[in-house]
Amino acid sequence: MTSRNLTTSRSLVRRHAISKAFRILCACMTWTGVAVLGVLLFHVTREGLPWIDIQFLTDFPSRFPEKAGIKSALWGTIWLISLTAAFSIPVGIGAAIYLEEYAGKGRISRFIEVNIANLAGVPSIVYGILGLVIFVRFFALGRSVLAGSLTMSLLILPVIIIAAREAVRAVPDSIRQAAYALGATRWQVVRDHVIPSALPGILTGVILALSRAIGETAPLVMIGALTYVAFVPEGPMDAFTALPIQIFNWASRPQREFHELAAAGIVVLLAVLLLMNAIAVFIRHRSERNLR
């Protein structure tokens, strides 16, 4: 074996060793994160599960831990997420389709794309300040469910737009060209071919966006969501509280019982989140099956 071949062989062995070490490092970091998450979930479940019963789900908050419930926060969260989805999903998907299918590729489009990407990384507290100034004070919506849902819609709109655009962009151009060749208009191509093909990716972005919205606390604190509510919202203009606010309120108290109630609230919040994600994943898989 010549010296050149020996050098090449040693270099190849070193590269394989580095690749293997990097793969092991990535695996260790991944499983470390999973282990930490598992410990946190185990601790929260152990602390909070004994408090979860019918009384906990149907009673209002109280200063007495044994009488405290999460009814107002649970229904406030359902109202908040429902209105947020109703506002953000149509606007986000519509904006993504327009930017990808109809808008040109000029400076204005690039300016909009850069700003949407930047808005996706803005801290949530900034959206809370924006919602306080615009919706609570300027439009005089007060501390209502509507103001909270509009603020949350601003928070997750960039995420939905970016994910939907990527899903629309991933649709093969041959599908569009085949539809045009058969005489379809642009709207027919978008409606009958592009949107159904991109729907699984769009729903993935929607799941991630709503999952972020359901756990946010800072924007709700900024717009003045109440920490104690002894009623269930009956309309979009009613005052409200949400599960993250209620959990924060209980966790800030010194008594251990309230800390356990906060853990129970986290379990309920995770259950709502998993149920919402399960519904969205079911719809996504069904749309994928229909495409096949």
Protein backbone atom coordinates (compact mmCIF):
# COMPACT_ATOMS: atom_id res chain seq x y z
CA MET A 1 0.00 0.00 0.00
CA THR A 2 1.41 3.35 -1.03
CA SER A 3 1.68 6.29 1.33
CA ARG A 4 -1.08 8.09 -0.57
CA ASN A 5 -3.48 5.16 -0.18
CA LEU A 6 -2.55 4.85 3.50
CA THR A 7 -3.28 8.54 4.07
CA THR A 8 -6.62 8.22 2.29
CA SER A 9 -7.54 5.15 4.36
CA ARG A 10 -6.67 6.91 7.63
CA SER A 11 -8.67 9.96 6.58
CA LEU A 12 -11.65 7.75 5.75
CA VAL A 13 -11.43 5.97 9.10
CA ARG A 14 -11.24 9.30 10.92
CA ARG A 15 -14.27 10.65 9.04
CA HIS A 16 -16.28 7.54 9.87
CA ALA A 17 -15.27 7.84 13.53
CA ILE A 18 -16.31 11.51 13.63
CA SER A 19 -19.62 10.67 11.95
CA LYS A 20 -20.30 7.88 14.44
CA ALA A 21 -19.40 10.12 17.41
CA PHE A 22 -21.70 12.86 16.11
CA ARG A 23 -24.54 10.37 15.67
CA ILE A 24 -24.07 9.11 19.23
CA LEU A 25 -23.96 12.69 20.54
CA CYS A 26 -27.22 13.56 18.76
CA ALA A 27 -28.85 10.40 20.10
CA CYS A 28 -27.70 11.22 23.64
CA MET A 29 -29.05 14.76 23.43
CA THR A 30 -32.36 13.51 22.05
CA TRP A 31 -32.85 10.88 24.72
CA THR A 32 -31.74 13.33 27.42
CA GLY A 33 -34.52 15.68 26.36
CA VAL A 34 -37.01 12.82 26.27
CA ALA A 35 -35.91 11.68 29.73
CA VAL A 36 -36.24 15.17 31.22
CA LEU A 37 -39.69 15.54 29.64
CA GLY A 38 -40.68 12.13 31.00
CA VAL A 39 -39.57 13.09 34.52
CA LEU A 40 -41.55 16.34 34.33
CA LEU A 41 -44.66 14.58 33.07
CA PHE A 42 -44.34 11.90 35.76
CA HIS A 43 -43.98 14.53 38.50
CA VAL A 44 -46.91 16.60 37.25
CA THR A 45 -49.13 13.54 36.84
CA ARG A 46 -48.26 12.19 40.27
CA GLU A 47 -48.95 15.52 41.95
CA GLY A 48 -52.06 16.50 40.02
CA LEU A 49 -53.90 13.30 39.13
CA PRO A 50 -55.37 12.70 42.63
CA TRP A 51 -57.10 16.11 42.44
CA ILE A 52 -58.82 15.47 39.11
CA ASP A 53 -62.44 14.43 39.53
CA ILE A 54 -65.89 15.63 38.54
CA GLN A 55 -65.87 18.27 41.26
CA PHE A 56 -62.55 19.69 39.99
CA LEU A 57 -63.91 19.97 36.44
CA THR A 58 -67.32 21.41 37.36
CA ASP A 59 -66.52 23.83 40.21
CA PHE A 60 -65.23 27.38 40.01
CA PRO A 61 -61.93 28.55 41.57
CA SER A 62 -61.92 29.05 45.32
CA ARG A 63 -59.52 30.21 48.02
CA PHE A 64 -60.09 26.84 49.68
CA PRO A 65 -58.10 24.16 47.81
CA GLU A 66 -60.56 21.35 48.52
CA LYS A 67 -63.36 23.39 46.88
CA ALA A 68 -61.36 24.81 43.97
CA GLY A 69 -62.23 23.85 40.43
CA ILE A 70 -61.26 24.71 36.91
CA LYS A 71 -64.61 25.10 35.16
CA SER A 72 -64.32 28.78 34.22
CA ALA A 73 -60.72 28.41 32.98
CA LEU A 74 -61.56 25.29 30.96
CA TRP A 75 -64.50 26.88 29.19
CA GLY A 76 -62.57 30.11 28.74
CA THR A 77 -59.81 28.18 26.99
CA ILE A 78 -62.33 26.43 24.73
CA TRP A 79 -63.87 29.80 23.81
CA LEU A 80 -60.45 31.34 23.25
CA ILE A 81 -59.06 28.56 21.04
CA SER A 82 -62.28 28.22 19.04
CA LEU A 83 -62.39 31.92 18.16
CA THR A 84 -58.65 32.01 17.53
CA ALA A 85 -58.96 29.14 15.08
CA ALA A 86 -61.96 30.77 13.40
CA PHE A 87 -60.00 34.00 12.84
CA SER A 88 -56.49 32.75 12.10
CA ILE A 89 -56.98 29.63 9.98
CA PRO A 90 -58.95 31.19 7.07
CA VAL A 91 -56.82 34.35 7.05
CA GLY A 92 -53.53 32.43 7.31
CA ILE A 93 -54.36 29.89 4.60
CA GLY A 94 -55.81 32.58 2.34
CA ALA A 95 -52.70 34.74 2.71
CA ALA A 96 -50.44 31.77 1.99
CA ILE A 97 -52.37 30.82 -1.16
CA TYR A 98 -52.36 34.40 -2.41
CA LEU A 99 -48.63 34.88 -1.82
CA GLU A 100 -47.74 31.56 -3.42
CA GLU A 101 -50.24 31.30 -6.29
CA TYR A 102 -51.33 34.81 -7.20
CA ALA A 103 -48.80 37.40 -6.05
CA GLY A 104 -45.86 38.21 -8.24
CA LYS A 105 -42.22 37.75 -7.31
CA GLY A 106 -41.33 41.43 -7.06
CA ARG A 107 -39.97 43.56 -4.27
CA ILE A 108 -43.29 43.89 -2.47
CA SER A 109 -43.69 40.11 -2.23
CA ARG A 110 -40.14 39.71 -0.93
CA PHE A 111 -40.74 42.51 1.59
CA ILE A 112 -43.89 40.75 2.85
CA GLU A 113 -42.11 37.39 3.05
CA VAL A 114 -39.23 38.84 5.10
CA ASN A 115 -41.61 40.55 7.50
CA ILE A 116 -43.74 37.42 7.98
CA ALA A 117 -40.61 35.42 8.76
CA ASN A 118 -39.51 38.07 11.25
CA LEU A 119 -42.94 38.21 12.90
CA ALA A 120 -42.81 34.45 13.51
CA GLY A 121 -39.86 35.00 15.86
CA VAL A 122 -41.25 37.98 17.79
CA PRO A 123 -41.73 37.24 21.53
CA SER A 124 -45.31 36.65 22.57
CA ILE A 125 -45.24 39.52 25.09
CA VAL A 126 -44.92 41.96 22.15
CA TYR A 127 -48.16 40.61 20.70
CA GLY A 128 -49.73 41.08 24.11
CA ILE A 129 -48.73 44.75 24.12
CA LEU A 130 -50.06 45.11 20.57
CA GLY A 131 -53.35 43.49 21.53
CA LEU A 132 -53.64 45.77 24.58
CA VAL A 133 -53.15 48.91 22.51
CA ILE A 134 -55.28 47.95 19.48
CA PHE A 135 -58.05 45.64 20.63
CA VAL A 136 -58.49 46.47 24.32
CA ARG A 137 -58.05 50.26 24.16
CA PHE A 138 -58.42 51.49 20.56
CA PHE A 139 -61.38 49.27 19.60
CA ALA A 140 -62.65 49.27 23.22
CA LEU A 141 -63.19 45.50 23.34
CA GLY A 142 -62.10 45.39 26.98
CA ARG A 143 -60.95 42.23 28.72
CA SER A 144 -63.15 40.07 26.54
CA VAL A 145 -62.77 36.70 24.88
CA LEU A 146 -62.85 38.49 21.52
CA ALA A 147 -59.86 40.69 22.41
CA GLY A 148 -57.92 37.66 23.63
CA SER A 149 -58.70 35.57 20.56
CA LEU A 150 -57.75 38.40 18.18
CA THR A 151 -54.46 38.85 20.04
CA MET A 152 -53.75 35.12 19.84
CA SER A 153 -54.64 35.18 16.15
CA LEU A 154 -51.94 37.78 15.56
CA LEU A 155 -49.51 35.58 17.48
CA ILE A 156 -50.01 32.43 15.39
CA LEU A 157 -50.79 33.93 11.97
CA PRO A 158 -47.12 34.04 10.85
CA VAL A 159 -46.65 30.37 11.78
CA ILE A 160 -49.75 29.32 9.85
CA ILE A 161 -48.81 31.42 6.80
CA ILE A 162 -45.25 30.05 6.64
CA ALA A 163 -46.35 26.43 7.09
CA ALA A 164 -49.17 26.76 4.58
CA ARG A 165 -46.88 28.38 2.01
CA GLU A 166 -44.38 25.57 2.34
CA ALA A 167 -47.16 23.01 1.91
CA VAL A 168 -48.51 24.78 -1.19
CA ARG A 169 -45.01 25.14 -2.61
CA ALA A 170 -44.41 21.41 -2.17
CA VAL A 171 -47.28 20.52 -4.51
CA PRO A 172 -45.70 19.31 -7.80
CA ASP A 173 -45.99 21.85 -10.58
CA SER A 174 -46.96 19.05 -12.96
CA ILE A 175 -50.36 18.87 -11.22
CA ARG A 176 -50.99 22.52 -12.03
CA GLN A 177 -49.81 22.20 -15.61
CA ALA A 178 -51.99 19.14 -16.20
CA ALA A 179 -55.05 20.98 -14.90
CA TYR A 180 -54.28 24.03 -17.05
CA ALA A 181 -53.89 21.77 -20.06
CA LEU A 182 -57.43 20.49 -19.53
CA GLY A 183 -58.79 24.03 -19.53
CA ALA A 184 -59.11 24.69 -15.80
CA THR A 185 -58.92 28.25 -14.51
CA ARG A 186 -56.41 29.27 -11.86
CA TRP A 187 -59.09 29.25 -9.15
CA GLN A 188 -60.20 25.75 -10.19
CA VAL A 189 -56.61 24.55 -10.08
CA VAL A 190 -56.12 26.02 -6.59
CA ARG A 191 -59.47 24.80 -5.28
CA ASP A 192 -59.55 21.29 -6.73
CA HIS A 193 -55.87 20.34 -6.90
CA VAL A 194 -53.49 22.54 -4.94
CA ILE A 195 -55.44 22.86 -1.68
CA PRO A 196 -56.35 19.13 -1.40
CA SER A 197 -52.74 18.14 -2.12
CA ALA A 198 -51.35 20.65 0.38
CA LEU A 199 -53.95 20.01 3.09
CA PRO A 200 -51.86 17.54 5.19
CA GLY A 201 -48.98 20.01 5.40
CA ILE A 202 -51.33 22.90 6.12
CA LEU A 203 -52.97 20.99 8.97
CA THR A 204 -49.55 20.23 10.44
CA GLY A 205 -48.82 23.95 10.62
CA VAL A 206 -52.25 24.65 12.10
CA ILE A 207 -51.66 22.00 14.80
CA LEU A 208 -48.32 23.56 15.77
CA ALA A 209 -49.76 27.08 15.79
CA LEU A 210 -52.81 26.25 17.92
CA SER A 211 -50.64 24.18 20.26
CA ARG A 212 -48.55 27.29 20.85
CA ALA A 213 -51.61 29.47 21.37
CA ILE A 214 -53.26 27.19 23.93
CA GLY A 215 -50.25 27.38 26.26
CA GLU A 216 -49.41 31.08 26.00
CA THR A 217 -49.77 33.18 29.14
CA ALA A 218 -47.89 36.44 28.51
CA PRO A 219 -50.30 37.93 25.91
CA LEU A 220 -53.30 37.13 28.12
CA VAL A 221 -51.63 38.77 31.11
CA MET A 222 -50.90 41.87 29.05
CA ILE A 223 -54.48 42.30 27.81
CA GLY A 224 -55.74 41.88 31.38
CA ALA A 225 -57.31 38.42 31.44
CA LEU A 226 -58.74 37.85 34.90
CA THR A 227 -57.09 35.51 37.37
CA TYR A 228 -60.36 34.80 39.20
CA VAL A 229 -63.58 34.18 37.29
CA ALA A 230 -66.63 32.60 38.93
CA PHE A 231 -68.70 32.30 35.77
CA VAL A 232 -68.57 30.70 32.33
CA PRO A 233 -68.32 33.03 29.30
CA GLU A 234 -71.58 33.07 27.36
CA GLY A 235 -70.47 35.31 24.50
CA PRO A 236 -67.37 36.76 22.82
CA MET A 237 -67.67 40.03 24.76
CA ASP A 238 -67.63 38.41 28.20
CA ALA A 239 -64.64 38.53 30.52
CA PHE A 240 -62.70 35.30 30.79
CA THR A 241 -59.81 33.42 32.20
CA ALA A 242 -57.83 30.56 30.66
CA LEU A 243 -56.05 27.45 31.85
CA PRO A 244 -52.52 28.97 31.66
CA ILE A 245 -53.69 31.98 33.71
CA GLN A 246 -55.36 29.78 36.32
CA ILE A 247 -52.32 27.51 36.54
CA PHE A 248 -50.04 30.52 36.98
CA ASN A 249 -52.32 31.87 39.71
CA TRP A 250 -52.26 28.62 41.67
CA ALA A 251 -48.51 28.08 41.19
CA SER A 252 -47.76 31.56 42.57
CA ARG A 253 -49.41 30.79 45.92
CA PRO A 254 -47.31 29.49 48.82
CA GLN A 255 -49.58 26.60 49.91
CA ARG A 256 -48.58 23.14 48.67
CA GLU A 257 -52.22 22.27 47.93
CA PHE A 258 -52.42 25.02 45.33
CA HIS A 259 -49.21 23.74 43.73
CA GLU A 260 -50.88 20.35 43.40
CA LEU A 261 -53.95 22.05 41.92
CA ALA A 262 -51.64 23.73 39.40
CA ALA A 263 -50.28 20.30 38.46
CA ALA A 264 -53.84 19.06 38.01
CA GLY A 265 -54.54 22.05 35.76
CA ILE A 266 -51.47 21.18 33.68
CA VAL A 267 -52.78 17.63 33.23
CA VAL A 268 -56.15 19.00 32.06
CA LEU A 269 -54.40 21.43 29.70
CA LEU A 270 -52.33 18.59 28.24
CA ALA A 271 -55.49 16.50 27.80
CA VAL A 272 -57.21 19.34 25.91
CA LEU A 273 -54.11 19.82 23.77
CA LEU A 274 -53.81 16.11 22.97
CA LEU A 275 -57.50 15.88 22.11
CA MET A 276 -57.26 18.87 19.80
CA ASN A 277 -54.14 17.47 18.14
CA ALA A 278 -55.73 14.03 17.78
CA ILE A 279 -58.68 15.52 15.91
CA ALA A 280 -56.37 17.47 13.60
CA VAL A 281 -54.14 14.43 12.99
CA PHE A 282 -57.22 12.33 12.17
CA ILE A 283 -58.36 14.90 9.61
CA ARG A 284 -54.85 15.05 8.15
CA HIS A 285 -54.55 11.27 7.78
CA ARG A 286 -58.01 11.09 6.26
CA SER A 287 -57.07 13.73 3.68
CA GLU A 288 -53.84 11.87 2.90
CA ARG A 289 -55.79 8.65 2.38
CA ASN A 290 -58.22 10.40 0.05
CA LEU A 291 -55.32 11.71 -2.00
CA ARG A 292 -54.05 8.18 -2.55
